[in-house]
PDB file of N, CA and C in Angstrom:
ATOM      1  N   UNK A   1       0.993  -1.447   0.015  1.00  0.00           N
ATOM      2  CA  UNK A   1       0.181  -0.078  -0.093  1.00  0.00           C
ATOM      3  C   UNK A   1       0.958   1.313  -0.097  1.00  0.00           C
ATOM      4  N   UNK A   2       0.528   2.152  -1.081  1.00  0.00           N
ATOM      5  CA  UNK A   2       1.050   3.600  -1.024  1.00  0.00           C
ATOM      6  C   UNK A   2       0.531   4.195   0.004  1.00  0.00           C
ATOM      7  N   UNK A   3       1.456   5.314   0.410  1.00  0.00           N
ATOM      8  CA  UNK A   3       1.623   6.215   2.029  1.00  0.00           C
ATOM      9  C   UNK A   3       1.770   7.718   0.792  1.00  0.00           C
ATOM     10  N   UNK A   4       1.460   8.617   1.199  1.00  0.00           N
ATOM     11  CA  UNK A   4       1.519  10.085   1.063  1.00  0.00           C
ATOM     12  C   UNK A   4       1.375  10.768   1.880  1.00  0.00           C
ATOM     13  N   UNK A   5       1.550  11.763   2.233  1.00  0.00           N
ATOM     14  CA  UNK A   5       2.284  12.769   3.276  1.00  0.00           C
ATOM     15  C   UNK A   5       1.357  14.409   3.084  1.00  0.00           C
ATOM     16  N   UNK A   6      -0.368  14.538   3.815  1.00  0.00           N
ATOM     17  CA  UNK A   6      -1.294  15.636   3.383  1.00  0.00           C
ATOM     18  C   UNK A   6      -0.248  16.893   3.970  1.00  0.00           C
ATOM     19  N   UNK A   7      -0.349  17.701   2.437  1.00  0.00           N
ATOM     20  CA  UNK A   7       0.337  19.373   3.587  1.00  0.00           C
ATOM     21  C   UNK A   7      -0.956  19.294   4.518  1.00  0.00           C
ATOM     22  N   UNK A   8      -0.113  20.467   5.017  1.00  0.00           N
ATOM     23  CA  UNK A   8      -1.078  20.908   6.260  1.00  0.00           C
ATOM     24  C   UNK A   8      -2.465  21.926   5.638  1.00  0.00           C
ATOM     25  N   UNK A   9      -3.632  22.245   6.081  1.00  0.00           N
ATOM     26  CA  UNK A   9      -4.539  22.557   5.298  1.00  0.00           C
ATOM     27  C   UNK A   9      -5.090  24.056   6.769  1.00  0.00           C
ATOM     28  N   UNK A  10      -5.187  24.623   6.129  1.00  0.00           N
ATOM     29  CA  UNK A  10      -5.022  26.320   7.032  1.00  0.00           C
ATOM     30  C   UNK A  10      -6.708  26.300   7.394  1.00  0.00           C
ATOM     31  N   UNK A  11      -7.536  26.461   8.527  1.00  0.00           N
ATOM     32  CA  UNK A  11      -8.829  26.926   8.982  1.00  0.00           C
ATOM     33  C   UNK A  11      -8.538  27.921   9.689  1.00  0.00           C
ATOM     34  N   UNK A  12     -10.017  28.902   9.541  1.00  0.00           N
ATOM     35  CA  UNK A  12      -9.835  29.963  10.258  1.00  0.00           C
ATOM     36  C   UNK A  12     -10.070  29.532  11.876  1.00  0.00           C
ATOM     37  N   UNK A  13      -9.377  30.256  12.682  1.00  0.00           N
ATOM     38  CA  UNK A  13      -9.224  29.467  14.418  1.00  0.00           C
ATOM     39  C   UNK A  13     -10.881  29.412  15.153  1.00  0.00           C
ATOM     40  N   UNK A  14     -11.764  30.376  14.642  1.00  0.00           N
ATOM     41  CA  UNK A  14     -13.181  29.859  14.842  1.00  0.00           C
ATOM     42  C   UNK A  14     -13.747  28.369  14.361  1.00  0.00           C
ATOM     43  N   UNK A  15     -13.837  28.379  13.222  1.00  0.00           N
ATOM     44  CA  UNK A  15     -13.748  27.354  12.247  1.00  0.00           C
ATOM     45  C   UNK A  15     -13.575  25.948  13.165  1.00  0.00           C
ATOM     46  N   UNK A  16     -12.037  26.024  13.177  1.00  0.00           N
ATOM     47  CA  UNK A  16     -11.469  24.720  14.132  1.00  0.00           C
ATOM     48  C   UNK A  16     -11.792  24.978  15.655  1.00  0.00           C
ATOM     49  N   UNK A  17     -12.028  25.961  16.382  1.00  0.00           N
ATOM     50  CA  UNK A  17     -12.535  25.746  17.181  1.00  0.00           C
ATOM     51  C   UNK A  17     -13.973  25.449  17.504  1.00  0.00           C
ATOM     52  N   UNK A  18     -14.445  25.719  16.345  1.00  0.00           N
ATOM     53  CA  UNK A  18     -16.192  25.083  16.644  1.00  0.00           C
ATOM     54  C   UNK A  18     -16.237  23.294  16.500  1.00  0.00           C
ATOM     55  N   UNK A  19     -14.938  22.981  15.157  1.00  0.00           N
ATOM     56  CA  UNK A  19     -15.030  21.423  15.170  1.00  0.00           C
ATOM     57  C   UNK A  19     -14.319  20.875  16.273  1.00  0.00           C
ATOM     58  N   UNK A  20     -13.498  20.896  17.220  1.00  0.00           N
ATOM     59  CA  UNK A  20     -12.883  20.855  18.178  1.00  0.00           C
ATOM     60  C   UNK A  20     -13.843  20.639  19.188  1.00  0.00           C
ATOM     61  N   UNK A  21     -14.614  21.615  19.485  1.00  0.00           N
ATOM     62  CA  UNK A  21     -15.404  21.381  20.490  1.00  0.00           C
ATOM     63  C   UNK A  21     -16.964  19.999  19.941  1.00  0.00           C
ATOM     64  N   UNK A  22     -16.997  20.052  18.628  1.00  0.00           N
ATOM     65  CA  UNK A  22     -18.081  19.100  18.687  1.00  0.00           C
ATOM     66  C   UNK A  22     -17.674  17.401  18.647  1.00  0.00           C
ATOM     67  N   UNK A  23     -15.730  17.482  18.084  1.00  0.00           N
ATOM     68  CA  UNK A  23     -15.118  16.068  18.575  1.00  0.00           C
ATOM     69  C   UNK A  23     -15.194  15.933  19.620  1.00  0.00           C
ATOM     70  N   UNK A  24     -15.060  16.403  20.661  1.00  0.00           N
ATOM     71  CA  UNK A  24     -14.782  16.312  22.207  1.00  0.00           C
ATOM     72  C   UNK A  24     -16.360  15.735  22.465  1.00  0.00           C
ATOM     73  N   UNK A  25     -17.223  16.774  22.457  1.00  0.00           N
ATOM     74  CA  UNK A  25     -18.275  16.160  22.848  1.00  0.00           C
ATOM     75  C   UNK A  25     -19.768  15.074  21.943  1.00  0.00           C
ATOM     76  N   UNK A  26     -18.519  14.805  21.040  1.00  0.00           N
ATOM     77  CA  UNK A  26     -19.357  13.565  19.989  1.00  0.00           C
ATOM     78  C   UNK A  26     -19.241  12.391  21.271  1.00  0.00           C
ATOM     79  N   UNK A  27     -20.204  11.417  21.089  1.00  0.00           N
ATOM     80  CA  UNK A  27     -20.028  10.463  21.431  1.00  0.00           C
ATOM     81  C   UNK A  27     -19.825   9.063  20.743  1.00  0.00           C
ATOM     82  N   UNK A  28     -18.989   8.633  20.879  1.00  0.00           N
ATOM     83  CA  UNK A  28     -18.217   7.139  20.411  1.00  0.00           C
ATOM     84  C   UNK A  28     -19.262   6.083  19.815  1.00  0.00           C
ATOM     85  N   UNK A  29     -18.884   6.045  18.472  1.00  0.00           N
ATOM     86  CA  UNK A  29     -19.543   4.991  17.670  1.00  0.00           C
ATOM     87  C   UNK A  29     -19.074   3.638  17.496  1.00  0.00           C
ATOM     88  N   UNK A  30     -20.392   2.566  18.293  1.00  0.00           N
ATOM     89  CA  UNK A  30     -20.021   1.434  18.663  1.00  0.00           C
ATOM     90  C   UNK A  30     -20.378   0.705  17.193  1.00  0.00           C
ATOM     91  N   UNK A  31     -18.830   0.441  16.390  1.00  0.00           N
ATOM     92  CA  UNK A  31     -19.023  -0.583  15.701  1.00  0.00           C
ATOM     93  C   UNK A  31     -19.463  -1.825  15.623  1.00  0.00           C
ATOM     94  N   UNK A  32     -20.515  -1.943  14.452  1.00  0.00           N
ATOM     95  CA  UNK A  32     -21.152  -3.213  14.736  1.00  0.00           C
ATOM     96  C   UNK A  32     -20.584  -4.214  14.105  1.00  0.00           C
ATOM     97  N   UNK A  33     -20.562  -5.695  14.716  1.00  0.00           N
ATOM     98  CA  UNK A  33     -19.945  -7.119  13.848  1.00  0.00           C
ATOM     99  C   UNK A  33     -20.772  -7.208  12.499  1.00  0.00           C
ATOM    100  N   UNK A  34     -20.747  -7.040  11.628  1.00  0.00           N
ATOM    101  CA  UNK A  34     -21.489  -7.398  10.361  1.00  0.00           C
ATOM    102  C   UNK A  34     -21.446  -9.416  10.567  1.00  0.00           C
ATOM    103  N   UNK A  35     -22.126 -10.455  10.310  1.00  0.00           N
ATOM    104  CA  UNK A  35     -21.896 -11.399  10.174  1.00  0.00           C
ATOM    105  C   UNK A  35     -22.498 -12.349   8.934  1.00  0.00           C
ATOM    106  N   UNK A  36     -22.381 -12.805   8.553  1.00  0.00           N
ATOM    107  CA  UNK A  36     -23.030 -13.813   7.188  1.00  0.00           C
ATOM    108  C   UNK A  36     -23.562 -15.115   7.649  1.00  0.00           C
ATOM    109  N   UNK A  37     -24.639 -15.708   7.706  1.00  0.00           N
ATOM    110  CA  UNK A  37     -24.986 -16.943   7.095  1.00  0.00           C
ATOM    111  C   UNK A  37     -24.726 -18.066   6.491  1.00  0.00           C
ATOM    112  N   UNK A  38     -23.835 -19.231   7.008  1.00  0.00           N
ATOM    113  CA  UNK A  38     -23.443 -20.003   6.066  1.00  0.00           C
ATOM    114  C   UNK A  38     -24.740 -21.506   5.930  1.00  0.00           C
ATOM    115  N   UNK A  39     -25.080 -21.602   4.735  1.00  0.00           N
ATOM    116  CA  UNK A  39     -26.224 -22.593   4.471  1.00  0.00           C
ATOM    117  C   UNK A  39     -25.367 -23.419   3.818  1.00  0.00           C
ATOM    118  N   UNK A  40     -25.820 -24.789   4.004  1.00  0.00           N
ATOM    119  CA  UNK A  40     -25.612 -25.593   3.632  1.00  0.00           C
ATOM    120  C   UNK A  40     -26.831 -26.190   2.184  1.00  0.00           C
ATOM    121  N   UNK A  41     -26.056 -27.385   1.095  1.00  0.00           N
ATOM    122  CA  UNK A  41     -27.035 -27.658   0.249  1.00  0.00           C
ATOM    123  C   UNK A  41     -27.371 -28.915   0.954  1.00  0.00           C
ATOM    124  N   UNK A  42     -28.276 -29.697   0.726  1.00  0.00           N
ATOM    125  CA  UNK A  42     -29.147 -31.181   1.237  1.00  0.00           C
ATOM    126  C   UNK A  42     -27.497 -31.974   0.592  1.00  0.00           C
ATOM    127  N   UNK A  43     -27.191 -31.902   0.065  1.00  0.00           N
ATOM    128  CA  UNK A  43     -25.804 -33.011  -0.548  1.00  0.00           C
ATOM    129  C   UNK A  43     -24.264 -32.352   0.222  1.00  0.00           C
ATOM    130  N   UNK A  44     -24.376 -31.335   0.529  1.00  0.00           N
ATOM    131  CA  UNK A  44     -23.373 -31.164   1.465  1.00  0.00           C
ATOM    132  C   UNK A  44     -23.140 -31.457   2.855  1.00  0.00           C
ATOM    133  N   UNK A  45     -24.556 -31.460   3.248  1.00  0.00           N
ATOM    134  CA  UNK A  45     -24.451 -31.934   4.954  1.00  0.00           C
ATOM    135  C   UNK A  45     -24.766 -33.693   4.394  1.00  0.00           C
ATOM    136  N   UNK A  46     -25.093 -34.002   3.859  1.00  0.00           N
ATOM    137  CA  UNK A  46     -24.873 -35.402   3.438  1.00  0.00           C
ATOM    138  C   UNK A  46     -23.238 -36.060   3.387  1.00  0.00           C
ATOM    139  N   UNK A  47     -22.430 -34.960   2.594  1.00  0.00           N
ATOM    140  CA  UNK A  47     -21.161 -35.561   2.372  1.00  0.00           C
ATOM    141  C   UNK A  47     -20.240 -35.031   3.438  1.00  0.00           C
ATOM    142  N   UNK A  48     -20.625 -34.273   4.612  1.00  0.00           N
ATOM    143  CA  UNK A  48     -19.893 -33.848   5.541  1.00  0.00           C
ATOM    144  C   UNK A  48     -20.074 -35.377   6.681  1.00  0.00           C
ATOM    145  N   UNK A  49     -21.664 -35.895   6.574  1.00  0.00           N
ATOM    146  CA  UNK A  49     -21.685 -36.984   7.536  1.00  0.00           C
ATOM    147  C   UNK A  49     -20.941 -37.922   6.645  1.00  0.00           C
ATOM    148  N   UNK A  50     -20.786 -38.000   5.611  1.00  0.00           N
ATOM    149  CA  UNK A  50     -19.983 -39.526   5.061  1.00  0.00           C
ATOM    150  C   UNK A  50     -18.295 -39.079   5.293  1.00  0.00           C
ATOM    151  N   UNK A  51     -17.668 -37.853   4.954  1.00  0.00           N
ATOM    152  CA  UNK A  51     -16.674 -37.226   5.277  1.00  0.00           C
ATOM    153  C   UNK A  51     -16.129 -38.165   7.138  1.00  0.00           C
ATOM    154  N   UNK A  52     -17.098 -37.551   7.616  1.00  0.00           N
ATOM    155  CA  UNK A  52     -16.690 -37.963   9.262  1.00  0.00           C
ATOM    156  C   UNK A  52     -16.828 -39.518   9.567  1.00  0.00           C
ATOM    157  N   UNK A  53     -17.910 -40.447   9.168  1.00  0.00           N
ATOM    158  CA  UNK A  53     -17.884 -41.709   9.063  1.00  0.00           C
ATOM    159  C   UNK A  53     -16.460 -42.350   8.270  1.00  0.00           C
ATOM    160  N   UNK A  54     -16.255 -41.559   7.225  1.00  0.00           N
ATOM    161  CA  UNK A  54     -15.155 -42.317   6.084  1.00  0.00           C
ATOM    162  C   UNK A  54     -13.832 -41.992   7.127  1.00  0.00           C
ATOM    163  N   UNK A  55     -13.395 -40.696   8.252  1.00  0.00           N
ATOM    164  CA  UNK A  55     -12.221 -40.824   8.904  1.00  0.00           C
ATOM    165  C   UNK A  55     -12.215 -42.089  10.194  1.00  0.00           C
ATOM    166  N   UNK A  56     -13.303 -41.772  10.486  1.00  0.00           N
ATOM    167  CA  UNK A  56     -13.669 -42.838  11.917  1.00  0.00           C
ATOM    168  C   UNK A  56     -13.080 -43.787  11.187  1.00  0.00           C
ATOM    169  N   UNK A  57     -13.947 -44.227  10.315  1.00  0.00           N
ATOM    170  CA  UNK A  57     -13.974 -45.748   9.939  1.00  0.00           C
ATOM    171  C   UNK A  57     -12.274 -46.248   9.519  1.00  0.00           C
ATOM    172  N   UNK A  58     -11.829 -45.419   8.756  1.00  0.00           N
ATOM    173  CA  UNK A  58     -10.639 -45.251   8.508  1.00  0.00           C
ATOM    174  C   UNK A  58      -9.620 -45.817   9.778  1.00  0.00           C
ATOM    175  N   UNK A  59      -9.813 -44.913  10.463  1.00  0.00           N
ATOM    176  CA  UNK A  59      -8.480 -44.799  12.000  1.00  0.00           C
ATOM    177  C   UNK A  59      -9.216 -46.003  13.018  1.00  0.00           C
ATOM    178  N   UNK A  60     -10.235 -46.458  12.565  1.00  0.00           N
ATOM    179  CA  UNK A  60     -10.923 -48.037  13.562  1.00  0.00           C
ATOM    180  C   UNK A  60     -10.222 -49.348  12.646  1.00  0.00           C
ATOM    181  N   UNK A  61      -9.593 -49.080  11.117  1.00  0.00           N
ATOM    182  CA  UNK A  61      -9.474 -50.101  10.674  1.00  0.00           C
ATOM    183  C   UNK A  61      -7.925 -50.008  10.584  1.00  0.00           C
ATOM    184  N   UNK A  62      -7.418 -48.943  10.961  1.00  0.00           N
ATOM    185  CA  UNK A  62      -6.108 -48.308  11.373  1.00  0.00           C
ATOM    186  C   UNK A  62      -5.172 -49.251  12.219  1.00  0.00           C
ATOM    187  N   UNK A  63      -3.869 -50.270  12.378  1.00  0.00           N
ATOM    188  CA  UNK A  63      -3.096 -50.792  13.763  1.00  0.00           C
ATOM    189  C   UNK A  63      -3.019 -49.480  14.291  1.00  0.00           C
ATOM    190  N   UNK A  64      -2.751 -48.427  13.881  1.00  0.00           N
ATOM    191  CA  UNK A  64      -1.902 -47.382  14.484  1.00  0.00           C
ATOM    192  C   UNK A  64      -3.240 -46.185  14.588  1.00  0.00           C
ATOM    193  N   UNK A  65      -4.704 -46.586  14.681  1.00  0.00           N
ATOM    194  CA  UNK A  65      -5.610 -45.561  14.301  1.00  0.00           C
ATOM    195  C   UNK A  65      -5.818 -44.432  15.818  1.00  0.00           C
ATOM    196  N   UNK A  66      -6.189 -43.367  15.327  1.00  0.00           N
ATOM    197  CA  UNK A  66      -6.053 -42.189  15.816  1.00  0.00           C
ATOM    198  C   UNK A  66      -7.723 -41.830  15.772  1.00  0.00           C
ATOM    199  N   UNK A  67      -8.303 -42.110  17.389  1.00  0.00           N
ATOM    200  CA  UNK A  67     -10.219 -41.434  16.936  1.00  0.00           C
ATOM    201  C   UNK A  67      -9.954 -40.471  16.896  1.00  0.00           C
ATOM    202  N   UNK A  68      -9.231 -39.434  17.140  1.00  0.00           N
ATOM    203  CA  UNK A  68      -9.518 -37.621  17.040  1.00  0.00           C
ATOM    204  C   UNK A  68      -9.322 -37.314  15.904  1.00  0.00           C
ATOM    205  N   UNK A  69      -8.852 -38.015  14.976  1.00  0.00           N
ATOM    206  CA  UNK A  69      -8.823 -37.970  13.494  1.00  0.00           C
ATOM    207  C   UNK A  69      -9.951 -37.084  13.123  1.00  0.00           C
ATOM    208  N   UNK A  70     -11.253 -37.900  13.209  1.00  0.00           N
ATOM    209  CA  UNK A  70     -12.521 -37.392  12.787  1.00  0.00           C
ATOM    210  C   UNK A  70     -13.004 -36.040  13.452  1.00  0.00           C
ATOM    211  N   UNK A  71     -12.708 -36.027  14.711  1.00  0.00           N
ATOM    212  CA  UNK A  71     -12.683 -34.952  15.754  1.00  0.00           C
ATOM    213  C   UNK A  71     -12.071 -33.674  15.161  1.00  0.00           C
ATOM    214  N   UNK A  72     -11.094 -33.975  14.648  1.00  0.00           N
ATOM    215  CA  UNK A  72     -10.363 -32.851  14.516  1.00  0.00           C
ATOM    216  C   UNK A  72     -10.382 -32.566  12.927  1.00  0.00           C
ATOM    217  N   UNK A  73     -11.243 -32.848  12.268  1.00  0.00           N
ATOM    218  CA  UNK A  73     -11.880 -32.783  10.910  1.00  0.00           C
ATOM    219  C   UNK A  73     -12.856 -32.030  10.982  1.00  0.00           C
ATOM    220  N   UNK A  74     -14.179 -32.684  11.805  1.00  0.00           N
ATOM    221  CA  UNK A  74     -15.267 -31.401  12.181  1.00  0.00           C
ATOM    222  C   UNK A  74     -14.779 -30.384  12.933  1.00  0.00           C
ATOM    223  N   UNK A  75     -13.758 -29.951  13.441  1.00  0.00           N
ATOM    224  CA  UNK A  75     -13.225 -28.950  14.217  1.00  0.00           C
ATOM    225  C   UNK A  75     -12.954 -28.032  12.928  1.00  0.00           C
ATOM    226  N   UNK A  76     -11.857 -28.267  12.021  1.00  0.00           N
ATOM    227  CA  UNK A  76     -11.287 -27.808  10.809  1.00  0.00           C
ATOM    228  C   UNK A  76     -12.462 -27.225   9.947  1.00  0.00           C
ATOM    229  N   UNK A  77     -13.495 -28.187   9.540  1.00  0.00           N
ATOM    230  CA  UNK A  77     -14.372 -27.328   8.907  1.00  0.00           C
ATOM    231  C   UNK A  77     -15.143 -26.122  10.155  1.00  0.00           C
ATOM    232  N   UNK A  78     -15.356 -26.522  11.025  1.00  0.00           N
ATOM    233  CA  UNK A  78     -16.440 -25.709  12.228  1.00  0.00           C
ATOM    234  C   UNK A  78     -15.314 -24.520  11.714  1.00  0.00           C
ATOM    235  N   UNK A  79     -14.043 -24.456  12.239  1.00  0.00           N
ATOM    236  CA  UNK A  79     -13.156 -23.087  11.876  1.00  0.00           C
ATOM    237  C   UNK A  79     -12.997 -23.038  10.517  1.00  0.00           C
ATOM    238  N   UNK A  80     -13.403 -23.343   9.053  1.00  0.00           N
ATOM    239  CA  UNK A  80     -13.922 -22.873   7.915  1.00  0.00           C
ATOM    240  C   UNK A  80     -15.206 -22.078   8.056  1.00  0.00           C
ATOM    241  N   UNK A  81     -16.045 -22.512   8.158  1.00  0.00           N
ATOM    242  CA  UNK A  81     -17.723 -21.923   8.466  1.00  0.00           C
ATOM    243  C   UNK A  81     -17.166 -20.478   9.275  1.00  0.00           C
ATOM    244  N   UNK A  82     -16.355 -20.457  10.813  1.00  0.00           N
ATOM    245  CA  UNK A  82     -16.326 -19.551  11.352  1.00  0.00           C
ATOM    246  C   UNK A  82     -16.085 -18.084  10.414  1.00  0.00           C
ATOM    247  N   UNK A  83     -14.983 -18.433   9.442  1.00  0.00           N
ATOM    248  CA  UNK A  83     -14.193 -17.660   8.691  1.00  0.00           C
ATOM    249  C   UNK A  83     -15.111 -17.197   7.810  1.00  0.00           C
ATOM    250  N   UNK A  84     -16.072 -18.251   7.202  1.00  0.00           N
ATOM    251  CA  UNK A  84     -17.166 -18.111   5.704  1.00  0.00           C
ATOM    252  C   UNK A  84     -17.872 -16.688   6.741  1.00  0.00           C
ATOM    253  N   UNK A  85     -18.561 -16.767   8.319  1.00  0.00           N
ATOM    254  CA  UNK A  85     -19.659 -16.069   9.125  1.00  0.00           C
ATOM    255  C   UNK A  85     -18.940 -14.427   8.888  1.00  0.00           C
ATOM    256  N   UNK A  86     -17.465 -14.375   8.418  1.00  0.00           N
ATOM    257  CA  UNK A  86     -16.938 -12.869   9.207  1.00  0.00           C
ATOM    258  C   UNK A  86     -16.532 -12.597   8.296  1.00  0.00           C
ATOM    259  N   UNK A  87     -15.804 -13.184   7.073  1.00  0.00           N
ATOM    260  CA  UNK A  87     -15.022 -12.912   5.807  1.00  0.00           C
ATOM    261  C   UNK A  87     -15.391 -13.486   4.887  1.00  0.00           C
ATOM    262  N   UNK A  88     -16.537 -13.851   4.326  1.00  0.00           N
ATOM    263  CA  UNK A  88     -17.162 -14.126   3.282  1.00  0.00           C
ATOM    264  C   UNK A  88     -16.620 -14.079   1.835  1.00  0.00           C
ATOM    265  N   UNK A  89     -16.286 -12.765   1.839  1.00  0.00           N
ATOM    266  CA  UNK A  89     -15.760 -12.310   0.775  1.00  0.00           C
ATOM    267  C   UNK A  89     -14.452 -12.474   0.121  1.00  0.00           C
ATOM    268  N   UNK A  90     -13.674 -12.769   1.071  1.00  0.00           N
ATOM    269  CA  UNK A  90     -12.320 -13.719   1.006  1.00  0.00           C
ATOM    270  C   UNK A  90     -12.197 -14.932   0.503  1.00  0.00           C
ATOM    271  N   UNK A  91     -13.083 -15.484   0.369  1.00  0.00           N
ATOM    272  CA  UNK A  91     -13.443 -16.748  -0.234  1.00  0.00           C
ATOM    273  C   UNK A  91     -13.890 -16.472  -2.156  1.00  0.00           C
ATOM    274  N   UNK A  92     -13.341 -17.663  -2.685  1.00  0.00           N
ATOM    275  CA  UNK A  92     -13.165 -17.951  -4.283  1.00  0.00           C
ATOM    276  C   UNK A  92     -15.184 -17.308  -4.266  1.00  0.00           C
ATOM    277  N   UNK A  93     -15.188 -16.680  -5.648  1.00  0.00           N
ATOM    278  CA  UNK A  93     -16.865 -16.608  -5.463  1.00  0.00           C
ATOM    279  C   UNK A  93     -17.213 -17.771  -6.747  1.00  0.00           C
ATOM    280  N   UNK A  94     -18.368 -18.055  -6.360  1.00  0.00           N
ATOM    281  CA  UNK A  94     -18.714 -19.505  -7.220  1.00  0.00           C
ATOM    282  C   UNK A  94     -20.205 -19.044  -8.260  1.00  0.00           C
ATOM    283  N   UNK A  95     -19.618 -19.339  -9.235  1.00  0.00           N
ATOM    284  CA  UNK A  95     -21.739 -19.177 -10.062  1.00  0.00           C
ATOM    285  C   UNK A  95     -21.622 -17.845 -10.295  1.00  0.00           C
ATOM    286  N   UNK A  96     -23.145 -16.866 -10.695  1.00  0.00           N
ATOM    287  CA  UNK A  96     -23.296 -16.061 -10.830  1.00  0.00           C
ATOM    288  C   UNK A  96     -23.673 -14.651 -10.045  1.00  0.00           C
ATOM    289  N   UNK A  97     -24.098 -15.291  -8.669  1.00  0.00           N
ATOM    290  CA  UNK A  97     -24.399 -14.382  -7.314  1.00  0.00           C
ATOM    291  C   UNK A  97     -22.838 -14.011  -6.981  1.00  0.00           C
ATOM    292  N   UNK A  98     -22.753 -13.068  -6.057  1.00  0.00           N
ATOM    293  CA  UNK A  98     -21.603 -12.647  -5.898  1.00  0.00           C
ATOM    294  C   UNK A  98     -21.418 -12.919  -4.458  1.00  0.00           C
ATOM    295  N   UNK A  99     -22.568 -13.787  -3.926  1.00  0.00           N
ATOM    296  CA  UNK A  99     -22.950 -13.718  -2.168  1.00  0.00           C
ATOM    297  C   UNK A  99     -22.948 -15.504  -2.284  1.00  0.00           C
ATOM    298  N   UNK A 100     -22.711 -16.212  -3.247  1.00  0.00           N
ATOM    299  CA  UNK A 100     -22.136 -17.612  -3.037  1.00  0.00           C
ATOM    300  C   UNK A 100     -20.360 -18.036  -3.362  1.00  0.00           C
ATOM    301  N   UNK A 101     -20.279 -18.349  -2.489  1.00  0.00           N
ATOM    302  CA  UNK A 101     -18.631 -18.298  -2.400  1.00  0.00           C
ATOM    303  C   UNK A 101     -18.305 -19.594  -1.931  1.00  0.00           C
ATOM    304  N   UNK A 102     -17.315 -20.147  -2.041  1.00  0.00           N
ATOM    305  CA  UNK A 102     -16.461 -21.471  -1.627  1.00  0.00           C
ATOM    306  C   UNK A 102     -15.162 -21.545  -0.954  1.00  0.00           C
ATOM    307  N   UNK A 103     -15.483 -22.456  -0.066  1.00  0.00           N
ATOM    308  CA  UNK A 103     -14.550 -22.893   0.848  1.00  0.00           C
ATOM    309  C   UNK A 103     -13.122 -23.739   0.501  1.00  0.00           C
ATOM    310  N   UNK A 104     -12.238 -23.127   0.506  1.00  0.00           N
ATOM    311  CA  UNK A 104     -11.800 -24.475  -0.440  1.00  0.00           C
ATOM    312  C   UNK A 104      -9.913 -24.416   0.540  1.00  0.00           C
ATOM    313  N   UNK A 105      -9.262 -25.073   0.565  1.00  0.00           N
ATOM    314  CA  UNK A 105      -7.999 -25.514   1.960  1.00  0.00           C
ATOM    315  C   UNK A 105      -7.025 -24.914   0.709  1.00  0.00           C
TER     316      UNK A 105
END
């Protein structure tokens, strides 16, 4: 990001006093946090269930299986969803709608 220095601006003393008084008496504006809803299609919900079942079954069949793997996968998906709720436009746009986004790794 490029930066620049702005030259000082001269204003009438009475105007400056008026502005400063307004700034001192101004109420702080509390910023609202914007969040978005993440909606799953029926196919995605089914895919997530299959993913959990697959990860759990794979670990059960493994000699060195780690049953926490399925939980870690679920947590990673939850983290992705949380990211989408606060920063959806950081994700890749899908289709014609500007509001449909894709979360990828």
